[in-house]
Each structure stands twice: as C-alpha cells, then as structure tokens.
Amino acid sequence: MRSAETSEERNGAFRVLGVVGAAWVLSLGFDLLLHAGVLAKLYVEPSPFLLQPEEAFHRIPLGYLAFLVLTFGLYWLLRRLGTRGAAPGFRLGGIAGWVVWGALTVGLYSISTAGWPLLLGWWLGQSIELGLAGAVLGSAAAGASLKRIWVVVAFAVVGCIAVTVVLQTLGLAPAMRVMR
C-alpha cells in the first residue's frame, strides 16, 4: 500500500511541476512579446531609471526567477480558492497581477524617475502575463491533460515570438541587437 501512495505522490508532484512549468513558460513567451515588441521603444530612450542594455540583459534570469515565484504563488492561490477552468484562472491571475503589479508600479513611481508610459505598460502587460499563467493553471485544475497544456503553451509561445519578429520587421518595435 505504501508504494502505491508514493507513486501517486510522485505523479502528483510531477504534474504540479509540469503545470507550473507550462504556466511559467507561457509567461516568458508573453514577456518576450511585451518587452521586445510592444514596449521595446520605451527601452531605447536613455533613462537614469533603466540599466544599460548589457547589464539588463545579464539580469534577465533574475526577472524570470521572479515570474516563477509569482507562478508558484498563483498556483497556491488558485488551489486555495478552488478555481477551475481557463477563464476563471485567467480572471483570478489577471486580478492578482493587477494588484501586485499595480502596487509595484505606484511604489516605483513614488521613488524613481520611471515615466508613466513605461510603468503603465508594465502594470497592464504583467497583469495580462499573470492572467495567462492563471489560465494554464486553471485549465490544469479543471482536468486538462499535461500533454494538451504543453501543446497549447508551445503554440502560444511560438505565436508570441512570431508577433515579436513581425513587429520588429515592420519597424513597429526596434530590432534586438547582439551585444559584443
């Protein structure tokens, strides 16, 4: 009996990590679209608030780690509230994003030189990003298979990359440059 419970626990832990991983990967894909596409022009202008591009690039993994922490927190919140389904997950994730990123935005505005266009872009974009993670987590809570979730996430991430490339190709966003 004990070995069956251990196997179930292992499968449950694998599913949790797989679902949180999928939600996180979708967040990263949307984050690329947001920052390298939609908001990219706001990063080109020199700003005492923003790091130099080379330094910012080196710190990107820390930002991605922060998204992973938020995704685990959102997973916990959705489970505690019994949220099931993509739409309810998106709604709760978006609300959580609105609160967390809204507070951060207002706090940054109160102590930094960051301008409202950038802060508003972060607030709205990161709220959508957490909403997307919530949609993945809510789908999993409603019983969607891990395989289906990852297929949808993979297509969505490829779509985000494609839209980013199109925005840059059309000159609607500055093209990324390789720093040497």
C-alpha atoms as a PDB file:
ATOM      1  CA  MET A   1       0.000   0.000   0.000  1.00  0.00           C
ATOM      2  CA  ARG A   2       2.799   2.424   0.862  1.00  0.00           C
ATOM      3  CA  SER A   3       4.488   2.059  -2.554  1.00  0.00           C
ATOM      4  CA  ALA A   4       1.206   2.953  -4.330  1.00  0.00           C
ATOM      5  CA  GLU A   5       0.888   6.116  -2.257  1.00  0.00           C
ATOM      6  CA  THR A   6       4.473   7.035  -3.005  1.00  0.00           C
ATOM      7  CA  SER A   7       3.836   6.522  -6.715  1.00  0.00           C
ATOM      8  CA  GLU A   8       0.709   8.720  -6.558  1.00  0.00           C
ATOM      9  CA  GLU A   9       2.606  11.380  -4.655  1.00  0.00           C
ATOM     10  CA  ARG A  10       5.375  11.281  -7.264  1.00  0.00           C
ATOM     11  CA  ASN A  11       2.864  11.584 -10.106  1.00  0.00           C
ATOM     12  CA  GLY A  12       1.128  14.454  -8.306  1.00  0.00           C
ATOM     13  CA  ALA A  13       4.409  16.291  -7.776  1.00  0.00           C
ATOM     14  CA  PHE A  14       5.360  15.700 -11.417  1.00  0.00           C
ATOM     15  CA  ARG A  15       2.006  17.134 -12.546  1.00  0.00           C
ATOM     16  CA  VAL A  16       2.361  20.198 -10.309  1.00  0.00           C
ATOM     17  CA  LEU A  17       5.862  20.897 -11.631  1.00  0.00           C
ATOM     18  CA  GLY A  18       4.715  20.275 -15.212  1.00  0.00           C
ATOM     19  CA  VAL A  19       1.729  22.591 -14.893  1.00  0.00           C
ATOM     20  CA  VAL A  20       3.629  25.352 -13.088  1.00  0.00           C
ATOM     21  CA  GLY A  21       6.425  24.962 -15.647  1.00  0.00           C
ATOM     22  CA  ALA A  22       3.960  25.334 -18.528  1.00  0.00           C
ATOM     23  CA  ALA A  23       2.379  28.422 -16.949  1.00  0.00           C
ATOM     24  CA  TRP A  24       5.843  29.902 -16.408  1.00  0.00           C
ATOM     25  CA  VAL A  25       6.976  29.188 -19.981  1.00  0.00           C
ATOM     26  CA  LEU A  26       3.847  30.900 -21.323  1.00  0.00           C
ATOM     27  CA  SER A  27       4.646  33.880 -19.077  1.00  0.00           C
ATOM     28  CA  LEU A  28       8.152  34.027 -20.533  1.00  0.00           C
ATOM     29  CA  GLY A  29       6.845  33.861 -24.102  1.00  0.00           C
ATOM     30  CA  PHE A  30       4.409  36.689 -23.464  1.00  0.00           C
ATOM     31  CA  ASP A  31       7.147  38.599 -21.637  1.00  0.00           C
ATOM     32  CA  LEU A  32       9.273  38.483 -24.790  1.00  0.00           C
ATOM     33  CA  LEU A  33       6.381  39.866 -26.834  1.00  0.00           C
ATOM     34  CA  LEU A  34       5.708  42.546 -24.232  1.00  0.00           C
ATOM     35  CA  HIS A  35       9.261  43.804 -23.776  1.00  0.00           C
ATOM     36  CA  ALA A  36      10.891  43.072 -27.160  1.00  0.00           C
ATOM     37  CA  GLY A  37       7.767  44.037 -29.092  1.00  0.00           C
ATOM     38  CA  VAL A  38       5.046  46.161 -27.541  1.00  0.00           C
ATOM     39  CA  LEU A  39       7.148  48.164 -25.046  1.00  0.00           C
ATOM     40  CA  ALA A  40      10.515  47.953 -26.842  1.00  0.00           C
ATOM     41  CA  LYS A  41      10.548  51.608 -27.945  1.00  0.00           C
ATOM     42  CA  LEU A  42      10.354  52.680 -24.306  1.00  0.00           C
ATOM     43  CA  TYR A  43      13.659  50.927 -23.576  1.00  0.00           C
ATOM     44  CA  VAL A  44      15.602  52.615 -26.383  1.00  0.00           C
ATOM     45  CA  GLU A  45      15.494  56.078 -24.830  1.00  0.00           C
ATOM     46  CA  PRO A  46      18.257  56.732 -22.277  1.00  0.00           C
ATOM     47  CA  SER A  47      16.896  56.715 -18.752  1.00  0.00           C
ATOM     48  CA  PRO A  48      18.516  57.086 -15.336  1.00  0.00           C
ATOM     49  CA  PHE A  49      15.926  54.565 -14.126  1.00  0.00           C
ATOM     50  CA  LEU A  50      16.858  51.728 -16.505  1.00  0.00           C
ATOM     51  CA  LEU A  51      20.118  49.803 -16.565  1.00  0.00           C
ATOM     52  CA  GLN A  52      22.349  49.856 -19.617  1.00  0.00           C
ATOM     53  CA  PRO A  53      21.231  47.165 -22.110  1.00  0.00           C
ATOM     54  CA  GLU A  54      24.237  44.910 -21.442  1.00  0.00           C
ATOM     55  CA  GLU A  55      23.685  44.898 -17.680  1.00  0.00           C
ATOM     56  CA  ALA A  56      19.926  44.484 -18.051  1.00  0.00           C
ATOM     57  CA  PHE A  57      20.477  41.505 -20.359  1.00  0.00           C
ATOM     58  CA  HIS A  58      22.654  39.791 -17.738  1.00  0.00           C
ATOM     59  CA  ARG A  59      19.954  40.251 -15.100  1.00  0.00           C
ATOM     60  CA  ILE A  60      17.061  38.857 -17.171  1.00  0.00           C
ATOM     61  CA  PRO A  61      17.296  35.444 -15.442  1.00  0.00           C
ATOM     62  CA  LEU A  62      16.524  37.146 -12.120  1.00  0.00           C
ATOM     63  CA  GLY A  63      13.341  38.574 -13.614  1.00  0.00           C
ATOM     64  CA  TYR A  64      12.406  35.138 -14.904  1.00  0.00           C
ATOM     65  CA  LEU A  65      13.015  33.696 -11.442  1.00  0.00           C
ATOM     66  CA  ALA A  66      10.622  36.330 -10.069  1.00  0.00           C
ATOM     67  CA  PHE A  67       7.967  35.156 -12.558  1.00  0.00           C
ATOM     68  CA  LEU A  68       8.488  31.579 -11.366  1.00  0.00           C
ATOM     69  CA  VAL A  69       7.921  32.677  -7.757  1.00  0.00           C
ATOM     70  CA  LEU A  70       4.740  34.505  -8.819  1.00  0.00           C
ATOM     71  CA  THR A  71       3.570  31.452 -10.770  1.00  0.00           C
ATOM     72  CA  PHE A  72       4.006  29.171  -7.748  1.00  0.00           C
ATOM     73  CA  GLY A  73       2.173  31.748  -5.619  1.00  0.00           C
ATOM     74  CA  LEU A  74      -0.652  31.885  -8.146  1.00  0.00           C
ATOM     75  CA  TYR A  75      -0.810  28.071  -8.206  1.00  0.00           C
ATOM     76  CA  TRP A  76      -1.242  28.086  -4.437  1.00  0.00           C
ATOM     77  CA  LEU A  77      -3.909  30.826  -4.598  1.00  0.00           C
ATOM     78  CA  LEU A  78      -5.951  29.070  -7.291  1.00  0.00           C
ATOM     79  CA  ARG A  79      -5.855  25.814  -5.305  1.00  0.00           C
ATOM     80  CA  ARG A  80      -6.884  27.543  -2.078  1.00  0.00           C
ATOM     81  CA  LEU A  81      -9.821  29.235  -3.800  1.00  0.00           C
ATOM     82  CA  GLY A  82     -10.799  26.133  -5.790  1.00  0.00           C
ATOM     83  CA  THR A  83     -10.536  27.968  -9.116  1.00  0.00           C
ATOM     84  CA  ARG A  84     -11.052  25.648 -12.099  1.00  0.00           C
ATOM     85  CA  GLY A  85     -11.064  26.416 -15.807  1.00  0.00           C
ATOM     86  CA  ALA A  86      -9.066  28.626 -18.152  1.00  0.00           C
ATOM     87  CA  ALA A  87     -11.378  31.659 -17.976  1.00  0.00           C
ATOM     88  CA  PRO A  88     -11.701  31.724 -14.167  1.00  0.00           C
ATOM     89  CA  GLY A  89      -7.933  31.126 -13.910  1.00  0.00           C
ATOM     90  CA  PHE A  90      -7.226  33.989 -16.313  1.00  0.00           C
ATOM     91  CA  ARG A  91      -9.574  36.263 -14.365  1.00  0.00           C
ATOM     92  CA  LEU A  92      -8.034  35.464 -10.974  1.00  0.00           C
ATOM     93  CA  GLY A  93      -4.483  35.637 -12.364  1.00  0.00           C
ATOM     94  CA  GLY A  94      -5.259  38.975 -14.001  1.00  0.00           C
ATOM     95  CA  ILE A  95      -6.705  40.361 -10.776  1.00  0.00           C
ATOM     96  CA  ALA A  96      -3.680  39.133  -8.815  1.00  0.00           C
ATOM     97  CA  GLY A  97      -1.427  40.723 -11.445  1.00  0.00           C
ATOM     98  CA  TRP A  98      -3.411  43.947 -11.323  1.00  0.00           C
ATOM     99  CA  VAL A  99      -2.938  44.147  -7.543  1.00  0.00           C
ATOM    100  CA  VAL A 100       0.721  43.043  -7.365  1.00  0.00           C
ATOM    101  CA  TRP A 101       1.984  44.986 -10.390  1.00  0.00           C
ATOM    102  CA  GLY A 102      -0.244  47.956  -9.604  1.00  0.00           C
ATOM    103  CA  ALA A 103       1.241  48.276  -6.137  1.00  0.00           C
ATOM    104  CA  LEU A 104       4.756  47.884  -7.543  1.00  0.00           C
ATOM    105  CA  THR A 105       4.085  50.477 -10.246  1.00  0.00           C
ATOM    106  CA  VAL A 106       2.749  53.076  -7.837  1.00  0.00           C
ATOM    107  CA  GLY A 107       5.621  52.346  -5.455  1.00  0.00           C
ATOM    108  CA  LEU A 108       8.199  52.738  -8.234  1.00  0.00           C
ATOM    109  CA  TYR A 109       6.600  55.969  -9.398  1.00  0.00           C
ATOM    110  CA  SER A 110       6.848  57.341  -5.867  1.00  0.00           C
ATOM    111  CA  ILE A 111      10.614  56.746  -5.578  1.00  0.00           C
ATOM    112  CA  SER A 112      12.086  56.628  -9.072  1.00  0.00           C
ATOM    113  CA  THR A 113      12.470  58.540 -12.313  1.00  0.00           C
ATOM    114  CA  ALA A 114      10.478  55.963 -14.297  1.00  0.00           C
ATOM    115  CA  GLY A 115       7.881  57.572 -16.547  1.00  0.00           C
ATOM    116  CA  TRP A 116       4.204  56.729 -16.630  1.00  0.00           C
ATOM    117  CA  PRO A 117       4.213  55.174 -20.131  1.00  0.00           C
ATOM    118  CA  LEU A 118       6.731  52.535 -19.046  1.00  0.00           C
ATOM    119  CA  LEU A 119       5.108  51.937 -15.667  1.00  0.00           C
ATOM    120  CA  LEU A 120       1.627  51.707 -17.166  1.00  0.00           C
ATOM    121  CA  GLY A 121       2.933  49.278 -19.799  1.00  0.00           C
ATOM    122  CA  TRP A 122       4.434  47.129 -17.068  1.00  0.00           C
ATOM    123  CA  TRP A 123       1.257  47.254 -14.978  1.00  0.00           C
ATOM    124  CA  LEU A 124      -1.046  46.234 -17.804  1.00  0.00           C
ATOM    125  CA  GLY A 125       1.363  43.828 -19.502  1.00  0.00           C
ATOM    126  CA  GLN A 126       2.408  41.991 -16.374  1.00  0.00           C
ATOM    127  CA  SER A 127      -1.246  41.731 -15.306  1.00  0.00           C
ATOM    128  CA  ILE A 128      -2.034  40.007 -18.605  1.00  0.00           C
ATOM    129  CA  GLU A 129       1.047  37.837 -18.150  1.00  0.00           C
ATOM    130  CA  LEU A 130      -0.120  36.605 -14.753  1.00  0.00           C
ATOM    131  CA  GLY A 131      -3.605  36.155 -16.206  1.00  0.00           C
ATOM    132  CA  LEU A 132      -2.188  33.852 -18.885  1.00  0.00           C
ATOM    133  CA  ALA A 133      -0.372  31.840 -16.227  1.00  0.00           C
ATOM    134  CA  GLY A 134      -3.662  31.635 -14.337  1.00  0.00           C
ATOM    135  CA  ALA A 135      -5.422  30.326 -17.448  1.00  0.00           C
ATOM    136  CA  VAL A 136      -2.904  27.482 -17.703  1.00  0.00           C
ATOM    137  CA  LEU A 137      -3.173  26.682 -14.003  1.00  0.00           C
ATOM    138  CA  GLY A 138      -6.976  26.867 -14.091  1.00  0.00           C
ATOM    139  CA  SER A 139      -7.099  24.534 -17.094  1.00  0.00           C
ATOM    140  CA  ALA A 140      -4.985  22.020 -15.222  1.00  0.00           C
ATOM    141  CA  ALA A 141      -7.220  22.304 -12.160  1.00  0.00           C
ATOM    142  CA  ALA A 142     -10.213  21.534 -14.396  1.00  0.00           C
ATOM    143  CA  GLY A 143      -8.530  18.311 -15.502  1.00  0.00           C
ATOM    144  CA  ALA A 144      -6.821  19.219 -18.789  1.00  0.00           C
ATOM    145  CA  SER A 145      -4.051  16.784 -19.644  1.00  0.00           C
ATOM    146  CA  LEU A 146      -0.465  17.887 -19.199  1.00  0.00           C
ATOM    147  CA  LYS A 147       0.252  16.993 -22.821  1.00  0.00           C
ATOM    148  CA  ARG A 148      -2.585  19.204 -24.095  1.00  0.00           C
ATOM    149  CA  ILE A 149      -1.484  22.063 -21.858  1.00  0.00           C
ATOM    150  CA  TRP A 150       2.096  21.896 -23.156  1.00  0.00           C
ATOM    151  CA  VAL A 151       0.950  21.726 -26.791  1.00  0.00           C
ATOM    152  CA  VAL A 152      -1.209  24.839 -26.353  1.00  0.00           C
ATOM    153  CA  VAL A 153       1.592  26.631 -24.487  1.00  0.00           C
ATOM    154  CA  ALA A 154       4.124  25.719 -27.196  1.00  0.00           C
ATOM    155  CA  PHE A 155       1.881  27.116 -29.942  1.00  0.00           C
ATOM    156  CA  ALA A 156       1.190  30.258 -27.905  1.00  0.00           C
ATOM    157  CA  VAL A 157       4.904  30.865 -27.260  1.00  0.00           C
ATOM    158  CA  VAL A 158       5.736  30.370 -30.945  1.00  0.00           C
ATOM    159  CA  GLY A 159       2.935  32.833 -31.714  1.00  0.00           C
ATOM    160  CA  CYS A 160       4.395  35.385 -29.285  1.00  0.00           C
ATOM    161  CA  ILE A 161       7.822  35.006 -30.885  1.00  0.00           C
ATOM    162  CA  ALA A 162       6.338  35.354 -34.376  1.00  0.00           C
ATOM    163  CA  VAL A 163       4.411  38.516 -33.470  1.00  0.00           C
ATOM    164  CA  THR A 164       7.561  39.978 -31.886  1.00  0.00           C
ATOM    165  CA  VAL A 165       9.567  39.284 -35.058  1.00  0.00           C
ATOM    166  CA  VAL A 166       6.807  40.816 -37.209  1.00  0.00           C
ATOM    167  CA  LEU A 167       6.691  43.953 -35.023  1.00  0.00           C
ATOM    168  CA  GLN A 168      10.456  44.320 -35.325  1.00  0.00           C
ATOM    169  CA  THR A 169      10.494  43.573 -39.057  1.00  0.00           C
ATOM    170  CA  LEU A 170       7.811  46.190 -39.727  1.00  0.00           C
ATOM    171  CA  GLY A 171       9.726  48.746 -37.660  1.00  0.00           C
ATOM    172  CA  LEU A 172       6.961  48.958 -35.051  1.00  0.00           C
ATOM    173  CA  ALA A 173       9.482  47.814 -32.448  1.00  0.00           C
ATOM    174  CA  PRO A 174      13.257  48.290 -32.519  1.00  0.00           C
ATOM    175  CA  ALA A 175      15.089  45.161 -33.609  1.00  0.00           C
ATOM    176  CA  MET A 176      17.088  43.299 -30.996  1.00  0.00           C
ATOM    177  CA  ARG A 177      20.828  43.647 -31.349  1.00  0.00           C
ATOM    178  CA  VAL A 178      23.512  41.224 -30.304  1.00  0.00           C
ATOM    179  CA  MET A 179      25.895  42.934 -27.897  1.00  0.00           C
ATOM    180  CA  ARG A 180      29.592  42.138 -28.214  1.00  0.00           C
END
